[in-house]
Amino acid sequence: MKNKEIFNVFFREKPAMMLVNLKNAKGEIYASSLAKHIDCTYSHVVKILQQMESAGLINFDKQGRLKLLTLTKKGAEVAENIDNIRTML
C-alpha cells in the first residue's frame, strides 16, 4: 500500500490537507485559493471550514468582501501533528 493510501485510511484527505496547507501557507490564504491547492470545490471547502471553525481550529478574518483564513493555536497543533504523521508514513 502506498503512503498516500495508508494516510487516507486514517484521515479524510481533503480536510487533513486543508489544515496542512493552512499551516504551510506563505502569506494570506482564502477559501478559494485553498480549494485550488487541494483540488476541491469551493462549496465543499467552505462547508469543511465552517466545521473546523466550530471546532476551534480556524478563524475567518473578514477583509472587505474576502475572508482570510488563519489557524488557531489548537488548529496549528493539530495541523503540525497531521503533517508529522503524513511524513512518517
PDB file of N, CA and C in Angstrom:
ATOM      1  N   MET A   1       0.840  -1.177   0.000  1.00  0.00           N
ATOM      2  CA  MET A   1       0.000   0.000   0.000  1.00  0.00           C
ATOM      3  C   MET A   1       0.892   1.250   0.000  1.00  0.00           C
ATOM      4  N   LYS A   2       0.585   2.190  -0.865  1.00  0.00           N
ATOM      5  CA  LYS A   2       1.373   3.420  -0.945  1.00  0.00           C
ATOM      6  C   LYS A   2       1.128   4.295   0.283  1.00  0.00           C
ATOM      7  N   ASN A   3       2.091   5.186   0.557  1.00  0.00           N
ATOM      8  CA  ASN A   3       1.991   6.074   1.721  1.00  0.00           C
ATOM      9  C   ASN A   3       0.715   6.903   1.708  1.00  0.00           C
ATOM     10  N   LYS A   4       0.360   7.444   0.547  1.00  0.00           N
ATOM     11  CA  LYS A   4      -0.846   8.272   0.460  1.00  0.00           C
ATOM     12  C   LYS A   4      -2.092   7.448   0.761  1.00  0.00           C
ATOM     13  N   GLU A   5      -2.124   6.220   0.298  1.00  0.00           N
ATOM     14  CA  GLU A   5      -3.291   5.365   0.532  1.00  0.00           C
ATOM     15  C   GLU A   5      -3.451   5.046   2.019  1.00  0.00           C
ATOM     16  N   ILE A   6      -2.352   4.741   2.696  1.00  0.00           N
ATOM     17  CA  ILE A   6      -2.444   4.415   4.118  1.00  0.00           C
ATOM     18  C   ILE A   6      -2.817   5.666   4.924  1.00  0.00           C
ATOM     19  N   PHE A   7      -2.316   6.820   4.505  1.00  0.00           N
ATOM     20  CA  PHE A   7      -2.687   8.077   5.156  1.00  0.00           C
ATOM     21  C   PHE A   7      -4.193   8.284   5.057  1.00  0.00           C
ATOM     22  N   ASN A   8      -4.760   7.990   3.881  1.00  0.00           N
ATOM     23  CA  ASN A   8      -6.194   8.161   3.665  1.00  0.00           C
ATOM     24  C   ASN A   8      -7.029   7.174   4.461  1.00  0.00           C
ATOM     25  N   VAL A   9      -6.433   6.069   4.888  1.00  0.00           N
ATOM     26  CA  VAL A   9      -7.132   5.113   5.742  1.00  0.00           C
ATOM     27  C   VAL A   9      -7.421   5.761   7.097  1.00  0.00           C
ATOM     28  N   PHE A  10      -6.465   6.542   7.598  1.00  0.00           N
ATOM     29  CA  PHE A  10      -6.591   7.143   8.924  1.00  0.00           C
ATOM     30  C   PHE A  10      -7.251   8.516   8.919  1.00  0.00           C
ATOM     31  N   PHE A  11      -7.095   9.262   7.837  1.00  0.00           N
ATOM     32  CA  PHE A  11      -7.592  10.624   7.762  1.00  0.00           C
ATOM     33  C   PHE A  11      -8.360  10.823   6.465  1.00  0.00           C
ATOM     34  N   ARG A  12      -9.401  11.660   6.521  1.00  0.00           N
ATOM     35  CA  ARG A  12     -10.032  12.096   5.275  1.00  0.00           C
ATOM     36  C   ARG A  12      -9.048  13.057   4.627  1.00  0.00           C
ATOM     37  N   GLU A  13      -8.715  12.782   3.399  1.00  0.00           N
ATOM     38  CA  GLU A  13      -7.632  13.504   2.740  1.00  0.00           C
ATOM     39  C   GLU A  13      -7.863  15.011   2.653  1.00  0.00           C
ATOM     40  N   LYS A  14      -9.006  15.446   2.164  1.00  0.00           N
ATOM     41  CA  LYS A  14      -9.232  16.874   1.912  1.00  0.00           C
ATOM     42  C   LYS A  14      -9.171  17.712   3.201  1.00  0.00           C
ATOM     43  N   PRO A  15      -9.906  17.368   4.261  1.00  0.00           N
ATOM     44  CA  PRO A  15      -9.811  18.176   5.480  1.00  0.00           C
ATOM     45  C   PRO A  15      -8.400  18.189   6.081  1.00  0.00           C
ATOM     46  N   ALA A  16      -7.739  17.036   6.078  1.00  0.00           N
ATOM     47  CA  ALA A  16      -6.379  16.977   6.617  1.00  0.00           C
ATOM     48  C   ALA A  16      -5.439  17.865   5.811  1.00  0.00           C
ATOM     49  N   MET A  17      -5.547  17.811   4.500  1.00  0.00           N
ATOM     50  CA  MET A  17      -4.666  18.615   3.653  1.00  0.00           C
ATOM     51  C   MET A  17      -5.010  20.104   3.734  1.00  0.00           C
ATOM     52  N   MET A  18      -6.260  20.422   4.038  1.00  0.00           N
ATOM     53  CA  MET A  18      -6.630  21.822   4.222  1.00  0.00           C
ATOM     54  C   MET A  18      -5.859  22.396   5.410  1.00  0.00           C
ATOM     55  N   LEU A  19      -5.834  21.673   6.525  1.00  0.00           N
ATOM     56  CA  LEU A  19      -5.110  22.146   7.701  1.00  0.00           C
ATOM     57  C   LEU A  19      -3.615  22.250   7.425  1.00  0.00           C
ATOM     58  N   VAL A  20      -3.064  21.236   6.760  1.00  0.00           N
ATOM     59  CA  VAL A  20      -1.628  21.246   6.446  1.00  0.00           C
ATOM     60  C   VAL A  20      -1.294  22.416   5.526  1.00  0.00           C
ATOM     61  N   ASN A  21      -2.138  22.674   4.524  1.00  0.00           N
ATOM     62  CA  ASN A  21      -1.911  23.805   3.619  1.00  0.00           C
ATOM     63  C   ASN A  21      -1.998  25.138   4.358  1.00  0.00           C
ATOM     64  N   LEU A  22      -2.925  25.256   5.279  1.00  0.00           N
ATOM     65  CA  LEU A  22      -3.010  26.484   6.072  1.00  0.00           C
ATOM     66  C   LEU A  22      -1.755  26.668   6.919  1.00  0.00           C
ATOM     67  N   LYS A  23      -1.269  25.580   7.482  1.00  0.00           N
ATOM     68  CA  LYS A  23      -0.053  25.636   8.312  1.00  0.00           C
ATOM     69  C   LYS A  23       1.154  26.062   7.482  1.00  0.00           C
ATOM     70  N   ASN A  24       1.255  25.553   6.266  1.00  0.00           N
ATOM     71  CA  ASN A  24       2.424  25.796   5.420  1.00  0.00           C
ATOM     72  C   ASN A  24       2.283  27.016   4.514  1.00  0.00           C
ATOM     73  N   ALA A  25       1.189  27.742   4.623  1.00  0.00           N
ATOM     74  CA  ALA A  25       0.934  28.887   3.739  1.00  0.00           C
ATOM     75  C   ALA A  25       1.993  29.965   3.916  1.00  0.00           C
ATOM     76  N   LYS A  26       2.424  30.504   2.805  1.00  0.00           N
ATOM     77  CA  LYS A  26       3.394  31.605   2.795  1.00  0.00           C
ATOM     78  C   LYS A  26       2.642  32.902   2.509  1.00  0.00           C
ATOM     79  N   GLY A  27       1.938  33.411   3.483  1.00  0.00           N
ATOM     80  CA  GLY A  27       1.156  34.623   3.288  1.00  0.00           C
ATOM     81  C   GLY A  27      -0.320  34.372   3.512  1.00  0.00           C
ATOM     82  N   GLU A  28      -1.126  35.283   3.018  1.00  0.00           N
ATOM     83  CA  GLU A  28      -2.570  35.204   3.232  1.00  0.00           C
ATOM     84  C   GLU A  28      -3.186  34.111   2.379  1.00  0.00           C
ATOM     85  N   ILE A  29      -4.179  33.430   2.949  1.00  0.00           N
ATOM     86  CA  ILE A  29      -4.871  32.373   2.204  1.00  0.00           C
ATOM     87  C   ILE A  29      -6.373  32.503   2.421  1.00  0.00           C
ATOM     88  N   TYR A  30      -7.105  32.287   1.353  1.00  0.00           N
ATOM     89  CA  TYR A  30      -8.564  32.398   1.345  1.00  0.00           C
ATOM     90  C   TYR A  30      -9.153  31.060   0.928  1.00  0.00           C
ATOM     91  N   ALA A  31     -10.445  30.877   1.165  1.00  0.00           N
ATOM     92  CA  ALA A  31     -11.112  29.615   0.839  1.00  0.00           C
ATOM     93  C   ALA A  31     -10.960  29.268  -0.638  1.00  0.00           C
ATOM     94  N   SER A  32     -11.061  30.252  -1.516  1.00  0.00           N
ATOM     95  CA  SER A  32     -10.963  29.982  -2.956  1.00  0.00           C
ATOM     96  C   SER A  32      -9.565  29.487  -3.334  1.00  0.00           C
ATOM     97  N   SER A  33      -8.528  30.091  -2.757  1.00  0.00           N
ATOM     98  CA  SER A  33      -7.165  29.638  -3.072  1.00  0.00           C
ATOM     99  C   SER A  33      -6.892  28.274  -2.441  1.00  0.00           C
ATOM    100  N   LEU A  34      -7.450  28.032  -1.268  1.00  0.00           N
ATOM    101  CA  LEU A  34      -7.300  26.733  -0.625  1.00  0.00           C
ATOM    102  C   LEU A  34      -7.968  25.642  -1.455  1.00  0.00           C
ATOM    103  N   ALA A  35      -9.133  25.933  -2.005  1.00  0.00           N
ATOM    104  CA  ALA A  35      -9.845  24.970  -2.859  1.00  0.00           C
ATOM    105  C   ALA A  35      -8.991  24.587  -4.067  1.00  0.00           C
ATOM    106  N   LYS A  36      -8.310  25.557  -4.655  1.00  0.00           N
ATOM    107  CA  LYS A  36      -7.439  25.271  -5.798  1.00  0.00           C
ATOM    108  C   LYS A  36      -6.249  24.418  -5.391  1.00  0.00           C
ATOM    109  N   HIS A  37      -5.650  24.707  -4.229  1.00  0.00           N
ATOM    110  CA  HIS A  37      -4.480  23.958  -3.759  1.00  0.00           C
ATOM    111  C   HIS A  37      -4.781  22.484  -3.521  1.00  0.00           C
ATOM    112  N   ILE A  38      -5.964  22.195  -3.005  1.00  0.00           N
ATOM    113  CA  ILE A  38      -6.269  20.799  -2.672  1.00  0.00           C
ATOM    114  C   ILE A  38      -7.180  20.133  -3.702  1.00  0.00           C
ATOM    115  N   ASP A  39      -7.443  20.831  -4.804  1.00  0.00           N
ATOM    116  CA  ASP A  39      -8.262  20.297  -5.893  1.00  0.00           C
ATOM    117  C   ASP A  39      -9.638  19.865  -5.389  1.00  0.00           C
ATOM    118  N   CYS A  40     -10.369  20.848  -4.879  1.00  0.00           N
ATOM    119  CA  CYS A  40     -11.679  20.600  -4.287  1.00  0.00           C
ATOM    120  C   CYS A  40     -12.597  21.766  -4.661  1.00  0.00           C
ATOM    121  N   THR A  41     -13.895  21.537  -4.636  1.00  0.00           N
ATOM    122  CA  THR A  41     -14.818  22.624  -4.966  1.00  0.00           C
ATOM    123  C   THR A  41     -14.855  23.645  -3.826  1.00  0.00           C
ATOM    124  N   TYR A  42     -15.124  24.870  -4.192  1.00  0.00           N
ATOM    125  CA  TYR A  42     -15.199  25.958  -3.218  1.00  0.00           C
ATOM    126  C   TYR A  42     -16.268  25.675  -2.163  1.00  0.00           C
ATOM    127  N   SER A  43     -17.434  25.211  -2.592  1.00  0.00           N
ATOM    128  CA  SER A  43     -18.531  24.980  -1.650  1.00  0.00           C
ATOM    129  C   SER A  43     -18.179  23.874  -0.644  1.00  0.00           C
ATOM    130  N   HIS A  44     -17.483  22.836  -1.094  1.00  0.00           N
ATOM    131  CA  HIS A  44     -17.069  21.762  -0.190  1.00  0.00           C
ATOM    132  C   HIS A  44     -16.046  22.285   0.821  1.00  0.00           C
ATOM    133  N   VAL A  45     -15.116  23.102   0.352  1.00  0.00           N
ATOM    134  CA  VAL A  45     -14.099  23.685   1.232  1.00  0.00           C
ATOM    135  C   VAL A  45     -14.765  24.560   2.301  1.00  0.00           C
ATOM    136  N   VAL A  46     -15.710  25.397   1.908  1.00  0.00           N
ATOM    137  CA  VAL A  46     -16.390  26.278   2.858  1.00  0.00           C
ATOM    138  C   VAL A  46     -17.150  25.466   3.901  1.00  0.00           C
ATOM    139  N   LYS A  47     -17.796  24.403   3.479  1.00  0.00           N
ATOM    140  CA  LYS A  47     -18.534  23.545   4.415  1.00  0.00           C
ATOM    141  C   LYS A  47     -17.589  22.937   5.458  1.00  0.00           C
ATOM    142  N   ILE A  48     -16.444  22.440   5.016  1.00  0.00           N
ATOM    143  CA  ILE A  48     -15.459  21.855   5.930  1.00  0.00           C
ATOM    144  C   ILE A  48     -14.873  22.938   6.838  1.00  0.00           C
ATOM    145  N   LEU A  49     -14.579  24.113   6.268  1.00  0.00           N
ATOM    146  CA  LEU A  49     -14.016  25.208   7.058  1.00  0.00           C
ATOM    147  C   LEU A  49     -14.978  25.658   8.152  1.00  0.00           C
ATOM    148  N   GLN A  50     -16.274  25.661   7.869  1.00  0.00           N
ATOM    149  CA  GLN A  50     -17.260  26.038   8.882  1.00  0.00           C
ATOM    150  C   GLN A  50     -17.244  25.036  10.042  1.00  0.00           C
ATOM    151  N   GLN A  51     -17.078  23.755   9.723  1.00  0.00           N
ATOM    152  CA  GLN A  51     -16.981  22.739  10.776  1.00  0.00           C
ATOM    153  C   GLN A  51     -15.700  22.922  11.584  1.00  0.00           C
ATOM    154  N   MET A  52     -14.613  23.262  10.896  1.00  0.00           N
ATOM    155  CA  MET A  52     -13.340  23.496  11.580  1.00  0.00           C
ATOM    156  C   MET A  52     -13.420  24.728  12.471  1.00  0.00           C
ATOM    157  N   GLU A  53     -14.135  25.752  12.020  1.00  0.00           N
ATOM    158  CA  GLU A  53     -14.303  26.951  12.836  1.00  0.00           C
ATOM    159  C   GLU A  53     -15.106  26.610  14.098  1.00  0.00           C
ATOM    160  N   SER A  54     -16.152  25.807  13.961  1.00  0.00           N
ATOM    161  CA  SER A  54     -16.956  25.384  15.116  1.00  0.00           C
ATOM    162  C   SER A  54     -16.132  24.577  16.113  1.00  0.00           C
ATOM    163  N   ALA A  55     -15.144  23.825  15.591  1.00  0.00           N
ATOM    164  CA  ALA A  55     -14.283  23.003  16.449  1.00  0.00           C
ATOM    165  C   ALA A  55     -13.127  23.807  17.036  1.00  0.00           C
ATOM    166  N   GLY A  56     -13.034  25.085  16.682  1.00  0.00           N
ATOM    167  CA  GLY A  56     -11.977  25.933  17.231  1.00  0.00           C
ATOM    168  C   GLY A  56     -10.622  25.741  16.576  1.00  0.00           C
ATOM    169  N   LEU A  57     -10.606  25.266  15.317  1.00  0.00           N
ATOM    170  CA  LEU A  57      -9.340  25.017  14.627  1.00  0.00           C
ATOM    171  C   LEU A  57      -8.898  26.181  13.743  1.00  0.00           C
ATOM    172  N   ILE A  58      -9.859  26.948  13.215  1.00  0.00           N
ATOM    173  CA  ILE A  58      -9.534  28.074  12.332  1.00  0.00           C
ATOM    174  C   ILE A  58     -10.376  29.286  12.688  1.00  0.00           C
ATOM    175  N   ASN A  59      -9.939  30.425  12.185  1.00  0.00           N
ATOM    176  CA  ASN A  59     -10.706  31.675  12.290  1.00  0.00           C
ATOM    177  C   ASN A  59     -10.895  32.242  10.895  1.00  0.00           C
ATOM    178  N   PHE A  60     -12.045  32.861  10.686  1.00  0.00           N
ATOM    179  CA  PHE A  60     -12.295  33.645   9.481  1.00  0.00           C
ATOM    180  C   PHE A  60     -12.093  35.110   9.872  1.00  0.00           C
ATOM    181  N   ASP A  61     -11.209  35.807   9.189  1.00  0.00           N
ATOM    182  CA  ASP A  61     -10.995  37.232   9.430  1.00  0.00           C
ATOM    183  C   ASP A  61     -11.469  37.987   8.204  1.00  0.00           C
ATOM    184  N   LYS A  62     -12.607  38.648   8.336  1.00  0.00           N
ATOM    185  CA  LYS A  62     -13.206  39.346   7.197  1.00  0.00           C
ATOM    186  C   LYS A  62     -12.381  40.577   6.822  1.00  0.00           C
ATOM    187  N   GLN A  63     -12.017  40.650   5.548  1.00  0.00           N
ATOM    188  CA  GLN A  63     -11.288  41.802   5.000  1.00  0.00           C
ATOM    189  C   GLN A  63     -12.027  42.253   3.746  1.00  0.00           C
ATOM    190  N   GLY A  64     -12.926  43.199   3.926  1.00  0.00           N
ATOM    191  CA  GLY A  64     -13.760  43.616   2.812  1.00  0.00           C
ATOM    192  C   GLY A  64     -14.706  42.488   2.428  1.00  0.00           C
ATOM    193  N   ARG A  65     -14.663  42.101   1.159  1.00  0.00           N
ATOM    194  CA  ARG A  65     -15.510  41.004   0.688  1.00  0.00           C
ATOM    195  C   ARG A  65     -14.882  39.640   0.951  1.00  0.00           C
ATOM    196  N   LEU A  66     -13.589  39.606   1.241  1.00  0.00           N
ATOM    197  CA  LEU A  66     -12.868  38.351   1.407  1.00  0.00           C
ATOM    198  C   LEU A  66     -12.745  37.956   2.869  1.00  0.00           C
ATOM    199  N   LYS A  67     -12.644  36.659   3.101  1.00  0.00           N
ATOM    200  CA  LYS A  67     -12.422  36.141   4.451  1.00  0.00           C
ATOM    201  C   LYS A  67     -11.066  35.444   4.482  1.00  0.00           C
ATOM    202  N   LEU A  68     -10.139  36.042   5.208  1.00  0.00           N
ATOM    203  CA  LEU A  68      -8.810  35.477   5.385  1.00  0.00           C
ATOM    204  C   LEU A  68      -8.893  34.327   6.381  1.00  0.00           C
ATOM    205  N   LEU A  69      -8.204  33.232   6.077  1.00  0.00           N
ATOM    206  CA  LEU A  69      -8.212  32.061   6.957  1.00  0.00           C
ATOM    207  C   LEU A  69      -6.946  32.043   7.803  1.00  0.00           C
ATOM    208  N   THR A  70      -7.106  31.814   9.094  1.00  0.00           N
ATOM    209  CA  THR A  70      -5.956  31.641   9.984  1.00  0.00           C
ATOM    210  C   THR A  70      -6.218  30.470  10.915  1.00  0.00           C
ATOM    211  N   LEU A  71      -5.156  29.793  11.277  1.00  0.00           N
ATOM    212  CA  LEU A  71      -5.261  28.701  12.233  1.00  0.00           C
ATOM    213  C   LEU A  71      -5.271  29.253  13.654  1.00  0.00           C
ATOM    214  N   THR A  72      -6.032  28.641  14.520  1.00  0.00           N
ATOM    215  CA  THR A  72      -5.952  28.959  15.942  1.00  0.00           C
ATOM    216  C   THR A  72      -4.754  28.197  16.500  1.00  0.00           C
ATOM    217  N   LYS A  73      -4.440  28.421  17.750  1.00  0.00           N
ATOM    218  CA  LYS A  73      -3.335  27.678  18.380  1.00  0.00           C
ATOM    219  C   LYS A  73      -3.631  26.181  18.313  1.00  0.00           C
ATOM    220  N   LYS A  74      -4.857  25.809  18.647  1.00  0.00           N
ATOM    221  CA  LYS A  74      -5.266  24.400  18.603  1.00  0.00           C
ATOM    222  C   LYS A  74      -5.170  23.872  17.168  1.00  0.00           C
ATOM    223  N   GLY A  75      -5.619  24.656  16.197  1.00  0.00           N
ATOM    224  CA  GLY A  75      -5.561  24.249  14.799  1.00  0.00           C
ATOM    225  C   GLY A  75      -4.137  24.048  14.318  1.00  0.00           C
ATOM    226  N   ALA A  76      -3.226  24.931  14.748  1.00  0.00           N
ATOM    227  CA  ALA A  76      -1.819  24.805  14.369  1.00  0.00           C
ATOM    228  C   ALA A  76      -1.217  23.522  14.938  1.00  0.00           C
ATOM    229  N   GLU A  77      -1.584  23.183  16.166  1.00  0.00           N
ATOM    230  CA  GLU A  77      -1.081  21.951  16.787  1.00  0.00           C
ATOM    231  C   GLU A  77      -1.607  20.724  16.058  1.00  0.00           C
ATOM    232  N   VAL A  78      -2.880  20.722  15.734  1.00  0.00           N
ATOM    233  CA  VAL A  78      -3.475  19.600  15.004  1.00  0.00           C
ATOM    234  C   VAL A  78      -2.824  19.464  13.630  1.00  0.00           C
ATOM    235  N   ALA A  79      -2.654  20.583  12.927  1.00  0.00           N
ATOM    236  CA  ALA A  79      -2.045  20.570  11.596  1.00  0.00           C
ATOM    237  C   ALA A  79      -0.614  20.047  11.664  1.00  0.00           C
ATOM    238  N   GLU A  80       0.136  20.468  12.679  1.00  0.00           N
ATOM    239  CA  GLU A  80       1.521  20.007  12.850  1.00  0.00           C
ATOM    240  C   GLU A  80       1.558  18.493  13.056  1.00  0.00           C
ATOM    241  N   ASN A  81       0.654  17.983  13.889  1.00  0.00           N
ATOM    242  CA  ASN A  81       0.609  16.536  14.143  1.00  0.00           C
ATOM    243  C   ASN A  81       0.207  15.754  12.890  1.00  0.00           C
ATOM    244  N   ILE A  82      -0.757  16.263  12.142  1.00  0.00           N
ATOM    245  CA  ILE A  82      -1.167  15.604  10.900  1.00  0.00           C
ATOM    246  C   ILE A  82      -0.008  15.580   9.917  1.00  0.00           C
ATOM    247  N   ASP A  83       0.695  16.696   9.794  1.00  0.00           N
ATOM    248  CA  ASP A  83       1.828  16.776   8.875  1.00  0.00           C
ATOM    249  C   ASP A  83       2.945  15.816   9.302  1.00  0.00           C
ATOM    250  N   ASN A  84       3.188  15.712  10.604  1.00  0.00           N
ATOM    251  CA  ASN A  84       4.206  14.772  11.101  1.00  0.00           C
ATOM    252  C   ASN A  84       3.833  13.330  10.787  1.00  0.00           C
ATOM    253  N   ILE A  85       2.581  12.982  10.986  1.00  0.00           N
ATOM    254  CA  ILE A  85       2.131  11.610  10.692  1.00  0.00           C
ATOM    255  C   ILE A  85       2.233  11.345   9.196  1.00  0.00           C
ATOM    256  N   ARG A  86       1.836  12.330   8.385  1.00  0.00           N
ATOM    257  CA  ARG A  86       1.902  12.173   6.920  1.00  0.00           C
ATOM    258  C   ARG A  86       3.335  11.918   6.469  1.00  0.00           C
ATOM    259  N   THR A  87       4.292  12.635   7.043  1.00  0.00           N
ATOM    260  CA  THR A  87       5.693  12.453   6.641  1.00  0.00           C
ATOM    261  C   THR A  87       6.271  11.143   7.164  1.00  0.00           C
ATOM    262  N   MET A  88       5.766  10.664   8.308  1.00  0.00           N
ATOM    263  CA  MET A  88       6.226   9.380   8.844  1.00  0.00           C
ATOM    264  C   MET A  88       5.825   8.211   7.949  1.00  0.00           C
ATOM    265  N   LEU A  89       4.636   8.327   7.353  1.00  0.00           N
ATOM    266  CA  LEU A  89       4.132   7.244   6.504  1.00  0.00           C
ATOM    267  C   LEU A  89       4.836   7.282   5.172  1.00  0.00           C
TER     268      LEU A  89
END
